[in-house]
C-alpha cells in the first residue's frame, strides 16, 4: 500500500510543472524564455530550414498551434502541462519545455 501511494505521488509530482518559466529550444540553443505568469496572449512563428512552427501563448499556457512537419505530433500534444514531457517537433528541431531553476536567459517577444 505504501509503495503504491509513493508511486502515485511520484507520478503526480513529475506531472506538475516546477515554476512558470518555459524555454523554446532549437538545436540545443534557447531561443526565448517566457514567464507564463506574466506573458501576454500572443501567437508567433519560428522558422527552421524554410518550415514554420506557430507557437501560441494564451491565459498562462503555451502550445504548438501549427507546424509544417509531416506527423503533427507536436501539435497533437496540446498545452504544455508537465515538466517531465516537453512539446517536441523533431523534424524542425524545436522544443518547448519548462525552464530549470537557475536558467538566466530572459527574452520577450512583442
C-alpha atoms as a PDB file:
ATOM      1  CA  UNK A   1       0.000   0.000   0.000  1.00  0.00           C
ATOM      2  CA  UNK A   2       2.761   2.441   0.923  1.00  0.00           C
ATOM      3  CA  UNK A   3       4.652   1.566  -2.275  1.00  0.00           C
ATOM      4  CA  UNK A   4       1.538   2.256  -4.356  1.00  0.00           C
ATOM      5  CA  UNK A   5       0.994   5.642  -2.697  1.00  0.00           C
ATOM      6  CA  UNK A   6       4.649   6.509  -3.258  1.00  0.00           C
ATOM      7  CA  UNK A   7       4.477   5.570  -6.944  1.00  0.00           C
ATOM      8  CA  UNK A   8       1.286   7.583  -7.496  1.00  0.00           C
ATOM      9  CA  UNK A   9       2.754  10.558  -5.638  1.00  0.00           C
ATOM     10  CA  UNK A  10       5.930  10.427  -7.735  1.00  0.00           C
ATOM     11  CA  UNK A  11       3.978  10.371 -10.972  1.00  0.00           C
ATOM     12  CA  UNK A  12       1.843  13.270  -9.765  1.00  0.00           C
ATOM     13  CA  UNK A  13       4.942  15.313  -8.888  1.00  0.00           C
ATOM     14  CA  UNK A  14       6.520  14.633 -12.295  1.00  0.00           C
ATOM     15  CA  UNK A  15       3.390  15.826 -13.993  1.00  0.00           C
ATOM     16  CA  UNK A  16       3.292  19.141 -12.164  1.00  0.00           C
ATOM     17  CA  UNK A  17       5.383  21.964 -13.642  1.00  0.00           C
ATOM     18  CA  UNK A  18       8.019  23.402 -11.328  1.00  0.00           C
ATOM     19  CA  UNK A  19       7.524  27.117 -11.963  1.00  0.00           C
ATOM     20  CA  UNK A  20       6.067  29.195 -14.765  1.00  0.00           C
ATOM     21  CA  UNK A  21       9.131  29.851 -16.939  1.00  0.00           C
ATOM     22  CA  UNK A  22       9.399  27.993 -20.235  1.00  0.00           C
ATOM     23  CA  UNK A  23      12.177  27.812 -22.808  1.00  0.00           C
ATOM     24  CA  UNK A  24      11.842  27.475 -26.566  1.00  0.00           C
ATOM     25  CA  UNK A  25      14.897  25.492 -27.622  1.00  0.00           C
ATOM     26  CA  UNK A  26      16.151  24.815 -31.146  1.00  0.00           C
ATOM     27  CA  UNK A  27      19.249  22.702 -31.809  1.00  0.00           C
ATOM     28  CA  UNK A  28      20.255  22.987 -28.145  1.00  0.00           C
ATOM     29  CA  UNK A  29      20.077  26.796 -28.105  1.00  0.00           C
ATOM     30  CA  UNK A  30      17.490  28.624 -26.005  1.00  0.00           C
ATOM     31  CA  UNK A  31      15.775  30.992 -28.440  1.00  0.00           C
ATOM     32  CA  UNK A  32      13.294  32.501 -25.981  1.00  0.00           C
ATOM     33  CA  UNK A  33      12.311  32.252 -22.333  1.00  0.00           C
ATOM     34  CA  UNK A  34       8.857  33.250 -21.175  1.00  0.00           C
ATOM     35  CA  UNK A  35       7.323  33.587 -17.749  1.00  0.00           C
ATOM     36  CA  UNK A  36       3.822  32.283 -18.431  1.00  0.00           C
ATOM     37  CA  UNK A  37       2.521  34.004 -15.306  1.00  0.00           C
ATOM     38  CA  UNK A  38       3.123  37.406 -16.914  1.00  0.00           C
ATOM     39  CA  UNK A  39       3.353  36.720 -20.672  1.00  0.00           C
ATOM     40  CA  UNK A  40       0.825  38.437 -22.901  1.00  0.00           C
ATOM     41  CA  UNK A  41      -1.505  36.369 -25.049  1.00  0.00           C
ATOM     42  CA  UNK A  42       0.265  36.065 -28.397  1.00  0.00           C
ATOM     43  CA  UNK A  43       0.973  33.902 -31.398  1.00  0.00           C
ATOM     44  CA  UNK A  44       4.335  33.895 -33.173  1.00  0.00           C
ATOM     45  CA  UNK A  45       6.338  31.829 -35.640  1.00  0.00           C
ATOM     46  CA  UNK A  46       9.726  30.134 -35.519  1.00  0.00           C
ATOM     47  CA  UNK A  47      11.373  29.077 -38.788  1.00  0.00           C
ATOM     48  CA  UNK A  48      13.701  26.142 -39.413  1.00  0.00           C
ATOM     49  CA  UNK A  49      15.040  25.400 -42.901  1.00  0.00           C
ATOM     50  CA  UNK A  50      12.024  27.028 -44.541  1.00  0.00           C
ATOM     51  CA  UNK A  51       9.447  25.276 -42.313  1.00  0.00           C
ATOM     52  CA  UNK A  52       7.369  27.219 -39.789  1.00  0.00           C
ATOM     53  CA  UNK A  53       6.157  26.339 -36.293  1.00  0.00           C
ATOM     54  CA  UNK A  54       3.442  28.564 -34.845  1.00  0.00           C
ATOM     55  CA  UNK A  55       3.531  28.936 -31.048  1.00  0.00           C
ATOM     56  CA  UNK A  56       0.571  30.197 -29.012  1.00  0.00           C
ATOM     57  CA  UNK A  57       0.637  31.650 -25.507  1.00  0.00           C
ATOM     58  CA  UNK A  58      -2.807  32.135 -24.003  1.00  0.00           C
ATOM     59  CA  UNK A  59      -4.023  32.567 -20.426  1.00  0.00           C
ATOM     60  CA  UNK A  60      -0.724  31.449 -18.892  1.00  0.00           C
ATOM     61  CA  UNK A  61      -0.359  28.360 -21.104  1.00  0.00           C
ATOM     62  CA  UNK A  62       1.746  27.556 -24.162  1.00  0.00           C
ATOM     63  CA  UNK A  63       1.378  25.129 -27.072  1.00  0.00           C
ATOM     64  CA  UNK A  64       2.471  24.391 -30.622  1.00  0.00           C
ATOM     65  CA  UNK A  65      -0.543  25.681 -32.537  1.00  0.00           C
ATOM     66  CA  UNK A  66       0.628  24.697 -36.037  1.00  0.00           C
ATOM     67  CA  UNK A  67       3.676  23.060 -37.557  1.00  0.00           C
ATOM     68  CA  UNK A  68       4.957  22.436 -41.049  1.00  0.00           C
ATOM     69  CA  UNK A  69       6.061  18.878 -40.358  1.00  0.00           C
ATOM     70  CA  UNK A  70       4.711  15.558 -41.604  1.00  0.00           C
ATOM     71  CA  UNK A  71       3.444  13.888 -38.424  1.00  0.00           C
ATOM     72  CA  UNK A  72       1.996  16.828 -36.419  1.00  0.00           C
ATOM     73  CA  UNK A  73       2.871  15.066 -33.141  1.00  0.00           C
ATOM     74  CA  UNK A  74       3.917  18.372 -31.561  1.00  0.00           C
ATOM     75  CA  UNK A  75       0.555  19.950 -32.400  1.00  0.00           C
ATOM     76  CA  UNK A  76      -1.394  16.979 -31.037  1.00  0.00           C
ATOM     77  CA  UNK A  77       0.468  17.179 -27.704  1.00  0.00           C
ATOM     78  CA  UNK A  78      -1.688  20.190 -26.797  1.00  0.00           C
ATOM     79  CA  UNK A  79      -0.793  22.593 -23.999  1.00  0.00           C
ATOM     80  CA  UNK A  80       2.464  22.118 -22.093  1.00  0.00           C
ATOM     81  CA  UNK A  81       1.441  20.783 -18.699  1.00  0.00           C
ATOM     82  CA  UNK A  82       4.337  18.671 -17.480  1.00  0.00           C
ATOM     83  CA  UNK A  83       7.984  19.291 -16.755  1.00  0.00           C
ATOM     84  CA  UNK A  84       8.538  15.601 -17.493  1.00  0.00           C
ATOM     85  CA  UNK A  85       7.167  15.785 -21.058  1.00  0.00           C
ATOM     86  CA  UNK A  86       8.180  18.761 -23.214  1.00  0.00           C
ATOM     87  CA  UNK A  87       6.498  19.513 -26.532  1.00  0.00           C
ATOM     88  CA  UNK A  88       8.928  18.437 -29.264  1.00  0.00           C
ATOM     89  CA  UNK A  89       8.919  18.896 -33.042  1.00  0.00           C
ATOM     90  CA  UNK A  90      11.722  16.570 -34.154  1.00  0.00           C
ATOM     91  CA  UNK A  91      11.688  17.498 -37.875  1.00  0.00           C
ATOM     92  CA  UNK A  92      12.103  21.194 -37.027  1.00  0.00           C
ATOM     93  CA  UNK A  93      14.499  20.625 -34.080  1.00  0.00           C
ATOM     94  CA  UNK A  94      12.249  22.674 -31.762  1.00  0.00           C
ATOM     95  CA  UNK A  95      11.058  22.013 -28.220  1.00  0.00           C
ATOM     96  CA  UNK A  96       9.006  23.842 -25.611  1.00  0.00           C
ATOM     97  CA  UNK A  97       9.975  22.897 -22.075  1.00  0.00           C
ATOM     98  CA  UNK A  98       9.800  24.187 -18.537  1.00  0.00           C
ATOM     99  CA  UNK A  99      12.980  26.066 -17.580  1.00  0.00           C
ATOM    100  CA  UNK A 100      15.220  24.581 -14.934  1.00  0.00           C
ATOM    101  CA  UNK A 101      15.684  26.567 -11.747  1.00  0.00           C
ATOM    102  CA  UNK A 102      18.702  28.781 -12.279  1.00  0.00           C
ATOM    103  CA  UNK A 103      18.256  29.427 -16.006  1.00  0.00           C
ATOM    104  CA  UNK A 104      19.220  33.049 -16.536  1.00  0.00           C
ATOM    105  CA  UNK A 105      18.012  33.671 -20.088  1.00  0.00           C
ATOM    106  CA  UNK A 106      15.148  36.151 -20.360  1.00  0.00           C
ATOM    107  CA  UNK A 107      13.515  37.348 -23.573  1.00  0.00           C
ATOM    108  CA  UNK A 108      10.212  38.896 -24.543  1.00  0.00           C
ATOM    109  CA  UNK A 109       8.516  38.653 -27.926  1.00  0.00           C
ATOM    110  CA  UNK A 110       6.308  41.537 -28.926  1.00  0.00           C
END
